């Protein structure tokens, strides 16, 4: 499957992945054939992009979080956050239920590369983001060989890291344009407010509260709110900061489109040692798919291929299936697999954007 912006969708395309609201309602179902009415409806729902079936291969990446886990945990997070907005209390029992599900899936799939493929409506961004930051933080904690109780504290802090945003006025939180200096100052206060709330929760470890407090501190001391640097920033906050930035730049926002994974990889690499802890960033990048399964790529030979397998620590050299040869011959009849881990003189020169894929796709999947 591949991701298309809503304005690039065409009637007849097949939806490749279910899209749910934060409340667990199915907004758009897998295998539904898009028509003009559905495409128009997406804008009203605040959905910027959709995964559609790949025109050449029917491949679907395996997710670390099972779909039912993702739906249930986002639903419970939304309920917890909205309840806090109304009565200013947190039900930690419900939060522990969320964490348990995430940790179980993460442990079961701890050797998988990370592929994040969820689509969210604008109004549901904070809840889906909180779950992804929690999942990525847990995966990093496992890779760092933290003890179970340490991973639990990390996970609790990660899922609640943006709780303070529930106290930010919605018109600032969801503003599509650039924030004014005064608005930015109010936005920055969410770390202090989140920490102040969480440190008063007797059943919550203080180190968990520090994730909310310090996740916008930068490794080089240029972050906020206290300008901490290096190891003066708690380890859990340094972990959550990496997860926070990665999910943010790979998600659609009202003011910009999501970055492709290889673009996000470069951004993260560029932030290594400045915004982000260099050693933890290296570990993270070893476990994130540079070219996720289903990516359409241009090889050095001029062939166009689709990634069918990606391997940990060898993300730059996936296994691909050629769909168009160097002479422009169509995929029909081609059965060429290239394992870039073995063919070391071959390499990927470019990842095709959804717009570029659409241009050379003369035949898109349609309902019979």
Protein backbone atom coordinates (compact mmCIF):
# COMPACT_ATOMS: atom_id res chain seq x y z
CA UNK A 1 0.00 0.00 0.00
CA UNK A 2 1.07 3.60 -0.37
CA UNK A 3 -0.05 6.91 1.04
CA UNK A 4 -1.82 9.53 -1.07
CA UNK A 5 -2.93 13.02 -0.06
CA UNK A 6 -6.70 13.40 -0.15
CA UNK A 7 -6.47 15.73 -3.15
CA UNK A 8 -4.60 13.04 -5.13
CA UNK A 9 -7.20 10.33 -4.63
CA UNK A 10 -9.17 9.13 -7.64
CA UNK A 11 -12.52 7.35 -7.85
CA UNK A 12 -11.99 3.61 -8.16
CA UNK A 13 -8.95 3.36 -5.88
CA UNK A 14 -9.15 0.77 -3.11
CA UNK A 15 -8.58 1.77 0.52
CA UNK A 16 -5.73 -0.29 1.98
CA UNK A 17 -6.06 0.40 5.71
CA UNK A 18 -8.91 1.07 8.14
CA UNK A 19 -9.14 4.59 9.55
CA UNK A 20 -10.70 5.05 12.98
CA UNK A 21 -11.62 8.07 15.04
CA UNK A 22 -10.13 8.46 18.52
CA UNK A 23 -13.47 7.25 19.88
CA UNK A 24 -13.09 3.97 18.00
CA UNK A 25 -15.59 4.70 15.23
CA UNK A 26 -14.63 3.28 11.83
CA UNK A 27 -14.38 6.30 9.50
CA UNK A 28 -13.19 4.51 6.38
CA UNK A 29 -12.91 0.75 5.90
CA UNK A 30 -10.23 -1.32 4.22
CA UNK A 31 -11.10 -2.50 0.68
CA UNK A 32 -13.78 0.16 0.19
CA UNK A 33 -13.77 1.54 -3.35
CA UNK A 34 -13.41 5.30 -3.30
CA UNK A 35 -15.90 7.46 -5.17
CA UNK A 36 -16.29 11.23 -5.49
CA UNK A 37 -18.62 11.39 -2.48
CA UNK A 38 -16.22 9.55 -0.15
CA UNK A 39 -13.23 11.59 -1.32
CA UNK A 40 -15.14 14.81 -0.61
CA UNK A 41 -16.18 13.51 2.80
CA UNK A 42 -12.55 13.01 3.87
CA UNK A 43 -12.00 16.76 3.95
CA UNK A 44 -14.95 17.21 6.28
CA UNK A 45 -13.47 14.60 8.61
CA UNK A 46 -10.11 16.38 8.72
CA UNK A 47 -8.27 13.45 7.07
CA UNK A 48 -5.37 14.65 4.92
CA UNK A 49 -4.22 11.34 3.44
CA UNK A 50 -5.26 7.73 2.90
CA UNK A 51 -3.44 4.46 2.26
CA UNK A 52 -4.55 2.88 -1.02
CA UNK A 53 -3.70 -0.43 -2.61
CA UNK A 54 -0.44 -0.44 -4.50
CA UNK A 55 -1.03 -0.60 -8.26
CA UNK A 56 1.42 -3.48 -8.76
CA UNK A 57 1.77 -5.50 -5.59
CA UNK A 58 -0.60 -6.29 -2.75
CA UNK A 59 1.81 -6.01 0.18
CA UNK A 60 1.03 -4.92 3.69
CA UNK A 61 3.65 -4.23 6.38
CA UNK A 62 3.25 -6.03 9.68
CA UNK A 63 2.66 -3.56 12.48
CA UNK A 64 4.11 -3.82 15.96
CA UNK A 65 0.77 -2.76 17.45
CA UNK A 66 -2.13 -4.97 16.43
CA UNK A 67 -5.01 -3.00 14.95
CA UNK A 68 -7.30 -3.88 17.85
CA UNK A 69 -4.64 -2.73 20.33
CA UNK A 70 -4.18 0.58 18.51
CA UNK A 71 -7.92 1.25 18.35
CA UNK A 72 -8.52 0.36 22.00
CA UNK A 73 -5.53 2.28 23.34
CA UNK A 74 -6.27 5.45 21.35
CA UNK A 75 -9.91 5.22 22.42
CA UNK A 76 -8.92 4.92 26.08
CA UNK A 77 -6.34 7.72 25.77
CA UNK A 78 -8.95 10.02 24.26
CA UNK A 79 -11.35 9.18 27.07
CA UNK A 80 -8.68 9.79 29.74
CA UNK A 81 -7.52 13.09 28.27
CA UNK A 82 -11.03 14.43 27.70
CA UNK A 83 -12.04 13.44 31.22
CA UNK A 84 -8.99 15.30 32.53
CA UNK A 85 -10.01 18.39 30.52
CA UNK A 86 -13.39 18.36 32.28
CA UNK A 87 -12.61 17.37 35.87
CA UNK A 88 -8.78 17.75 36.07
CA UNK A 89 -8.22 14.21 37.36
CA UNK A 90 -6.46 11.21 35.80
CA UNK A 91 -7.62 7.62 36.08
CA UNK A 92 -4.26 5.87 36.36
CA UNK A 93 -5.93 2.44 36.34
CA UNK A 94 -7.11 3.11 32.78
CA UNK A 95 -3.63 4.33 31.81
CA UNK A 96 -2.09 1.12 33.16
CA UNK A 97 -4.50 -0.87 30.98
CA UNK A 98 -3.24 1.05 27.93
CA UNK A 99 0.41 0.52 28.85
CA UNK A 100 -0.05 -3.20 29.41
CA UNK A 101 -1.49 -3.70 25.90
CA UNK A 102 1.28 -1.66 24.28
CA UNK A 103 4.05 -3.43 26.19
CA UNK A 104 2.66 -6.88 25.35
CA UNK A 105 2.61 -6.12 21.62
CA UNK A 106 6.04 -4.46 21.76
CA UNK A 107 7.62 -7.44 23.55
CA UNK A 108 6.01 -9.91 21.13
CA UNK A 109 7.37 -7.95 18.15
CA UNK A 110 10.62 -6.62 19.63
CA UNK A 111 12.72 -7.88 16.69
CA UNK A 112 10.63 -6.11 14.05
CA UNK A 113 11.59 -2.91 12.31
CA UNK A 114 9.30 -0.04 13.20
CA UNK A 115 6.73 0.91 10.55
CA UNK A 116 4.20 3.53 11.69
CA UNK A 117 1.27 3.69 9.29
CA UNK A 118 -1.67 5.10 11.22
CA UNK A 119 -3.78 7.89 9.72
CA UNK A 120 -5.50 10.38 12.03
CA UNK A 121 -8.09 13.09 11.72
CA UNK A 122 -6.75 16.51 12.78
CA UNK A 123 -8.85 16.64 15.93
CA UNK A 124 -7.56 13.22 17.02
CA UNK A 125 -3.85 13.98 16.51
CA UNK A 126 -2.90 14.32 20.19
CA UNK A 127 -4.34 10.91 21.13
CA UNK A 128 -2.77 8.93 18.29
CA UNK A 129 0.49 10.81 18.79
CA UNK A 130 0.56 9.90 22.49
CA UNK A 131 0.17 6.20 21.68
CA UNK A 132 2.92 6.26 19.04
CA UNK A 133 5.32 8.13 21.33
CA UNK A 134 4.59 5.53 24.00
CA UNK A 135 5.14 2.63 21.59
CA UNK A 136 8.40 4.02 20.20
CA UNK A 137 9.66 4.80 23.70
CA UNK A 138 8.83 1.27 24.88
CA UNK A 139 10.62 -0.23 21.87
CA UNK A 140 13.69 1.87 22.66
CA UNK A 141 13.52 0.94 26.33
CA UNK A 142 13.46 -2.74 25.41
CA UNK A 143 16.43 -2.29 23.04
CA UNK A 144 18.31 -0.50 25.84
CA UNK A 145 17.65 -3.48 28.11
CA UNK A 146 15.79 -1.49 30.72
CA UNK A 147 14.13 -3.51 33.46
CA UNK A 148 10.38 -4.12 33.23
CA UNK A 149 9.58 -1.63 35.97
CA UNK A 150 11.77 0.98 34.23
CA UNK A 151 10.00 0.42 30.90
CA UNK A 152 6.69 0.83 32.73
CA UNK A 153 7.75 4.20 34.19
CA UNK A 154 9.04 5.27 30.78
CA UNK A 155 5.80 4.19 29.08
CA UNK A 156 3.61 6.02 31.61
CA UNK A 157 5.57 9.22 31.10
CA UNK A 158 5.52 8.84 27.32
CA UNK A 159 1.77 8.29 26.98
CA UNK A 160 1.11 11.30 29.24
CA UNK A 161 3.89 13.53 27.89
CA UNK A 162 1.43 15.92 26.21
CA UNK A 163 -1.23 15.95 28.91
CA UNK A 164 -0.49 19.62 29.53
CA UNK A 165 -1.77 20.40 26.01
CA UNK A 166 -5.28 19.74 27.29
CA UNK A 167 -4.90 23.10 29.07
CA UNK A 168 -3.81 24.93 25.91
CA UNK A 169 -6.65 26.79 24.15
CA UNK A 170 -7.85 24.75 21.14
CA UNK A 171 -7.47 27.72 18.80
CA UNK A 172 -3.73 27.72 19.58
CA UNK A 173 -3.29 23.95 19.73
CA UNK A 174 -4.95 23.39 16.32
CA UNK A 175 -3.88 26.59 14.59
CA UNK A 176 -2.98 25.76 10.96
CA UNK A 177 -0.53 28.64 10.57
CA UNK A 178 2.57 29.81 12.42
CA UNK A 179 2.06 30.70 16.08
CA UNK A 180 2.65 34.28 17.20
CA UNK A 181 5.33 34.87 19.89
CA UNK A 182 2.61 35.13 22.56
CA UNK A 183 0.87 31.96 21.30
CA UNK A 184 4.19 30.10 21.22
CA UNK A 185 4.86 31.10 24.83
CA UNK A 186 1.47 29.67 25.84
CA UNK A 187 2.19 26.46 23.88
CA UNK A 188 5.54 26.04 25.64
CA UNK A 189 3.80 26.12 28.99
CA UNK A 190 2.32 22.67 28.35
CA UNK A 191 5.50 21.02 29.69
CA UNK A 192 5.34 22.87 33.01
CA UNK A 193 1.61 22.33 33.34
CA UNK A 194 1.86 18.64 32.50
CA UNK A 195 4.62 18.14 35.06
CA UNK A 196 2.72 20.04 37.74
CA UNK A 197 -0.31 17.80 37.22
CA UNK A 198 1.58 14.52 37.06
CA UNK A 199 3.87 15.09 40.03
CA UNK A 200 0.77 15.41 42.23
CA UNK A 201 -0.43 11.93 41.23
CA UNK A 202 0.67 9.85 44.19
CA UNK A 203 0.62 6.56 42.29
CA UNK A 204 2.80 7.92 39.47
CA UNK A 205 6.59 7.87 39.69
CA UNK A 206 8.27 11.28 39.64
CA UNK A 207 10.55 10.09 36.81
CA UNK A 208 7.43 9.52 34.68
CA UNK A 209 6.37 13.11 35.37
CA UNK A 210 9.80 14.30 34.22
CA UNK A 211 9.11 12.94 30.74
CA UNK A 212 6.33 15.51 30.40
CA UNK A 213 8.56 18.17 31.97
CA UNK A 214 11.70 17.65 29.89
CA UNK A 215 10.70 16.16 26.51
CA UNK A 216 11.33 19.51 24.75
CA UNK A 217 14.77 20.02 26.30
CA UNK A 218 17.47 19.69 23.63
CA UNK A 219 20.67 17.72 24.07
CA UNK A 220 22.74 20.84 23.27
CA UNK A 221 20.88 23.00 25.80
CA UNK A 222 18.78 25.01 23.32
CA UNK A 223 15.39 23.57 24.30
CA UNK A 224 12.78 24.65 26.82
CA UNK A 225 11.77 25.25 29.56
CA UNK A 226 14.96 25.10 31.63
CA UNK A 227 17.67 24.89 28.95
CA UNK A 228 19.01 21.59 30.27
CA UNK A 229 21.65 19.73 28.25
CA UNK A 230 23.24 16.30 27.92
CA UNK A 231 22.73 13.90 30.76
CA UNK A 232 21.18 16.61 32.91
CA UNK A 233 18.06 15.72 30.93
CA UNK A 234 16.53 12.55 32.35
CA UNK A 235 17.18 9.48 30.20
CA UNK A 236 13.46 8.77 29.82
CA UNK A 237 12.86 12.31 28.54
CA UNK A 238 15.73 11.90 26.04
CA UNK A 239 14.10 8.70 24.80
CA UNK A 240 10.64 10.26 24.57
CA UNK A 241 12.04 13.30 22.72
CA UNK A 242 13.27 11.04 19.92
CA UNK A 243 9.91 9.27 19.71
CA UNK A 244 8.07 12.60 19.86
CA UNK A 245 9.99 14.17 16.96
CA UNK A 246 9.86 11.09 14.76
CA UNK A 247 6.11 10.65 15.06
CA UNK A 248 5.50 14.38 14.60
CA UNK A 249 7.45 14.62 11.34
CA UNK A 250 5.89 11.46 9.86
CA UNK A 251 2.32 12.61 10.62
CA UNK A 252 0.03 14.92 8.66
CA UNK A 253 -0.52 18.26 10.35
CA UNK A 254 -2.82 21.15 9.35
CA UNK A 255 0.23 23.22 8.37
CA UNK A 256 2.28 20.57 6.50
CA UNK A 257 2.21 17.09 4.99
CA UNK A 258 3.91 14.09 6.58
CA UNK A 259 7.54 13.41 5.69
CA UNK A 260 8.34 10.11 4.03
CA UNK A 261 10.30 7.70 6.29
CA UNK A 262 13.63 8.18 4.48
CA UNK A 263 13.19 11.96 4.82
CA UNK A 264 12.40 11.57 8.51
CA UNK A 265 15.52 9.40 8.87
CA UNK A 266 17.67 12.22 7.46
CA UNK A 267 16.01 14.81 9.71
CA UNK A 268 16.62 12.66 12.77
CA UNK A 269 20.24 12.08 11.73
CA UNK A 270 20.67 15.83 11.34
CA UNK A 271 19.35 16.37 14.88
CA UNK A 272 21.79 13.85 16.35
CA UNK A 273 23.84 15.57 19.06
CA UNK A 274 21.94 18.86 18.81
CA UNK A 275 18.32 18.27 19.67
CA UNK A 276 18.72 14.56 20.33
CA UNK A 277 20.94 12.27 22.39
CA UNK A 278 23.39 10.85 19.80
CA UNK A 279 23.72 7.33 21.18
CA UNK A 280 19.99 6.79 21.69
CA UNK A 281 19.32 8.29 18.25
CA UNK A 282 21.73 5.80 16.66
CA UNK A 283 19.92 2.94 18.37
CA UNK A 284 16.55 4.29 17.25
CA UNK A 285 17.63 4.65 13.62
CA UNK A 286 18.90 1.06 13.65
CA UNK A 287 15.35 -0.08 14.36
CA UNK A 288 13.24 2.14 12.09
CA UNK A 289 12.43 1.17 8.52
CA UNK A 290 14.28 3.53 6.18
CA UNK A 291 12.34 2.08 3.23
CA UNK A 292 9.13 0.57 4.63
CA UNK A 293 7.56 -2.42 2.93
CA UNK A 294 5.56 -1.18 -0.05
CA UNK A 295 7.89 1.76 -0.80
CA UNK A 296 8.37 2.31 -4.55
CA UNK A 297 12.03 3.03 -5.36
CA UNK A 298 14.28 3.82 -8.31
CA UNK A 299 17.38 1.62 -8.57
CA UNK A 300 20.76 2.71 -9.95
CA UNK A 301 20.04 0.66 -13.10
CA UNK A 302 16.95 2.71 -13.92
CA UNK A 303 14.61 -0.08 -12.78
CA UNK A 304 11.61 0.74 -10.60
CA UNK A 305 10.98 -1.66 -7.73
CA UNK A 306 8.83 -2.16 -4.65
CA UNK A 307 10.33 -2.99 -1.25
CA UNK A 308 9.07 -6.40 -0.13
CA UNK A 309 11.33 -6.98 2.89
CA UNK A 310 13.39 -4.74 5.18
CA UNK A 311 15.98 -6.03 7.63
CA UNK A 312 17.11 -4.54 10.98
CA UNK A 313 20.49 -2.74 10.80
CA UNK A 314 20.43 -3.15 6.99
CA UNK A 315 17.68 -0.64 6.30
CA UNK A 316 19.52 0.92 3.34
CA UNK A 317 19.64 -2.45 1.57
CA UNK A 318 16.15 -3.99 1.47
CA UNK A 319 14.89 -6.80 -0.74
CA UNK A 320 12.89 -5.43 -3.67
CA UNK A 321 10.74 -6.73 -6.52
CA UNK A 322 11.26 -5.06 -9.90
CA UNK A 323 7.98 -3.81 -11.40
CA UNK A 324 9.31 -1.78 -14.35
CA UNK A 325 12.64 -2.66 -15.99
CA UNK A 326 15.30 -0.27 -17.23
CA UNK A 327 13.63 -0.11 -20.67
CA UNK A 328 10.29 0.87 -19.19
CA UNK A 329 8.76 -2.60 -19.65
CA UNK A 330 5.65 -3.03 -17.51
CA UNK A 331 5.51 -5.24 -14.45
CA UNK A 332 3.42 -7.88 -16.18
CA UNK A 333 5.50 -11.03 -16.57
CA UNK A 334 8.38 -9.69 -14.50
CA UNK A 335 9.45 -11.91 -11.62
CA UNK A 336 12.74 -10.30 -10.66
CA UNK A 337 13.75 -10.09 -7.01
CA UNK A 338 16.82 -8.05 -6.06
CA UNK A 339 18.38 -8.64 -2.64
CA UNK A 340 20.47 -5.53 -2.02
CA UNK A 341 22.15 -7.18 0.98
CA UNK A 342 23.81 -9.55 -1.50
CA UNK A 343 24.15 -7.38 -4.60
CA UNK A 344 26.41 -4.80 -3.03
CA UNK A 345 27.08 -2.85 -6.24
CA UNK A 346 23.36 -2.09 -6.57
CA UNK A 347 21.63 0.66 -4.63
CA UNK A 348 18.51 2.80 -4.32
CA UNK A 349 18.86 6.25 -5.85
CA UNK A 350 15.43 7.65 -5.05
CA UNK A 351 12.14 6.96 -3.30
CA UNK A 352 9.21 7.79 -5.56
CA UNK A 353 6.66 10.13 -4.07
CA UNK A 354 2.96 9.23 -4.22
CA UNK A 355 2.58 11.91 -6.91
CA UNK A 356 5.30 10.27 -9.02
CA UNK A 357 3.77 6.82 -8.51
CA UNK A 358 0.42 8.13 -9.69
CA UNK A 359 1.99 9.52 -12.88
CA UNK A 360 3.37 6.21 -14.10
CA UNK A 361 0.45 4.12 -12.86
CA UNK A 362 -1.65 3.48 -15.94
CA UNK A 363 -3.63 0.82 -14.12
CA UNK A 364 -4.84 1.37 -10.58
CA UNK A 365 -6.65 -1.34 -8.53
CA UNK A 366 -10.38 -1.01 -9.00
CA UNK A 367 -13.40 -2.97 -7.87
CA UNK A 368 -14.63 -5.64 -10.23
